[in-house]
Amino acid sequence: MDVINIMNRKIHSVKPESTIQEASDLMTNENIGAVIVIKDDVIRGILTEKDILRAIQENIPLNSSVKKIMHEEIIQIDPYTSVGKAAKIMVEKDIRRLPVISNGACIGIITMKDVLKALI
């Protein structure tokens, strides 16, 4: 089975200039653990709940921009990557989410929870 069959097509995103607080509020309201950072229809990074916790520990003000704490190097996959390969990437890279990219655009996201559901 390929990730296109199980990925979440609803993408929650913020701009690099958005504040950490805005991203945190979005994540809380949508009950999600990460947002994709997009500018000019291009993925610029990903921001996770761990990044926000780390920012709080480091006393980074929540009105600082997301670009200050986001991950700019994003591990991403093709929609026709197998679920097994996606799981292997997540384990090897110690990550829980993978943006799904097609023709340069983010068309979805797959999480470790999605992978587990597919494999059960």
Protein backbone atom coordinates (compact mmCIF):
# COMPACT_ATOMS: atom_id res chain seq x y z
CA MET A 1 0.00 0.00 0.00
CA ASP A 2 1.24 3.50 -0.83
CA VAL A 3 1.06 6.51 1.48
CA ILE A 4 -1.34 8.30 -0.89
CA ASN A 5 -3.99 5.84 0.30
CA ILE A 6 -3.66 6.69 3.99
CA MET A 7 -2.20 10.21 4.19
CA ASN A 8 -4.10 13.10 5.68
CA ARG A 9 -4.95 15.50 2.86
CA LYS A 10 -5.82 18.37 5.19
CA ILE A 11 -2.66 20.40 5.58
CA HIS A 12 -2.35 22.86 8.43
CA SER A 13 0.22 25.51 7.69
CA VAL A 14 1.66 28.78 8.88
CA LYS A 15 3.99 31.31 7.31
CA PRO A 16 7.59 31.71 8.51
CA GLU A 17 6.61 35.17 9.83
CA SER A 18 3.77 33.74 11.94
CA THR A 19 4.42 33.83 15.65
CA ILE A 20 5.14 30.77 17.72
CA GLN A 21 1.96 31.59 19.66
CA GLU A 22 -0.14 31.61 16.47
CA ALA A 23 1.28 28.24 15.45
CA SER A 24 0.72 26.85 18.94
CA ASP A 25 -2.88 28.08 18.94
CA LEU A 26 -3.52 26.45 15.55
CA MET A 27 -2.03 23.18 16.73
CA THR A 28 -4.13 23.25 19.89
CA ASN A 29 -7.36 24.18 18.10
CA GLU A 30 -6.88 21.51 15.42
CA ASN A 31 -5.52 18.90 17.86
CA ILE A 32 -2.40 18.30 15.78
CA GLY A 33 1.25 17.89 16.66
CA ALA A 34 2.84 19.85 13.83
CA VAL A 35 2.30 22.46 11.16
CA ILE A 36 3.97 22.85 7.80
CA VAL A 37 5.67 26.22 7.24
CA ILE A 38 4.85 27.47 3.75
CA LYS A 39 5.75 30.66 1.91
CA ASP A 40 4.96 31.37 -1.75
CA ASP A 41 3.49 27.86 -2.09
CA VAL A 42 6.85 26.31 -1.15
CA ILE A 43 7.53 24.35 2.01
CA ARG A 44 10.08 26.23 4.08
CA GLY A 45 9.99 24.04 7.18
CA ILE A 46 8.03 22.12 9.75
CA LEU A 47 7.23 23.08 13.32
CA THR A 48 6.38 20.45 15.89
CA GLU A 49 5.10 20.46 19.44
CA LYS A 50 8.61 19.50 20.59
CA ASP A 51 10.00 22.64 18.93
CA ILE A 52 7.54 24.79 20.85
CA LEU A 53 8.37 23.08 24.14
CA ARG A 54 12.07 23.57 23.44
CA ALA A 55 11.45 27.26 22.72
CA ILE A 56 9.67 27.62 26.05
CA GLN A 57 12.57 25.91 27.86
CA GLU A 58 15.02 28.25 26.13
CA ASN A 59 12.90 31.28 27.07
CA ILE A 60 12.26 32.24 23.45
CA PRO A 61 9.31 34.65 23.47
CA LEU A 62 6.13 33.21 21.98
CA ASN A 63 5.72 36.34 19.88
CA SER A 64 8.93 35.41 18.02
CA SER A 65 8.57 34.20 14.45
CA VAL A 66 8.21 30.53 13.65
CA LYS A 67 11.29 30.70 11.40
CA LYS A 68 13.37 31.12 14.54
CA ILE A 69 12.62 27.59 15.76
CA MET A 70 11.29 25.59 12.78
CA HIS A 71 13.13 22.72 11.14
CA GLU A 72 14.26 23.89 7.72
CA GLU A 73 15.56 20.52 6.59
CA ILE A 74 12.46 18.51 5.89
CA ILE A 75 12.40 14.82 5.20
CA GLN A 76 9.60 14.33 2.71
CA ILE A 77 8.20 11.53 0.62
CA ASP A 78 6.48 10.90 -2.67
CA PRO A 79 2.78 9.91 -2.59
CA TYR A 80 3.65 6.53 -4.10
CA THR A 81 6.13 5.59 -1.40
CA SER A 82 5.09 2.38 0.30
CA VAL A 83 3.77 2.58 3.85
CA GLY A 84 6.53 0.19 4.91
CA LYS A 85 9.23 2.46 3.48
CA ALA A 86 7.63 5.50 5.14
CA ALA A 87 7.67 3.65 8.48
CA LYS A 88 11.34 2.74 7.99
CA ILE A 89 12.23 6.39 7.26
CA MET A 90 10.37 7.54 10.37
CA VAL A 91 12.17 5.03 12.58
CA GLU A 92 15.61 5.67 11.07
CA LYS A 93 15.25 9.47 11.27
CA ASP A 94 13.41 9.41 14.63
CA ILE A 95 10.50 11.49 13.32
CA ARG A 96 6.74 11.09 13.58
CA ARG A 97 5.55 12.99 10.50
CA LEU A 98 6.39 13.11 6.82
CA PRO A 99 5.06 15.71 4.38
CA VAL A 100 3.91 14.12 1.13
CA ILE A 101 5.14 16.08 -1.89
CA SER A 102 3.99 15.88 -5.51
CA ASN A 103 5.26 18.20 -8.24
CA GLY A 104 6.87 20.43 -5.62
CA ALA A 105 3.63 20.93 -3.65
CA CYS A 106 2.65 19.50 -0.30
CA ILE A 107 -0.44 17.37 -0.93
CA GLY A 108 -0.67 15.72 2.46
CA ILE A 109 1.07 14.49 5.56
CA ILE A 110 1.50 11.03 6.98
CA THR A 111 2.06 10.41 10.66
CA MET A 112 3.33 7.45 12.62
CA LYS A 113 -0.24 6.97 13.82
CA ASP A 114 -1.43 6.70 10.18
CA VAL A 115 1.26 4.09 9.51
CA LEU A 116 0.30 2.05 12.58
CA LYS A 117 -3.37 2.12 11.63
CA ALA A 118 -2.52 0.89 8.12
CA LEU A 119 -0.35 -1.92 9.40
CA ILE A 120 -2.83 -3.22 11.97
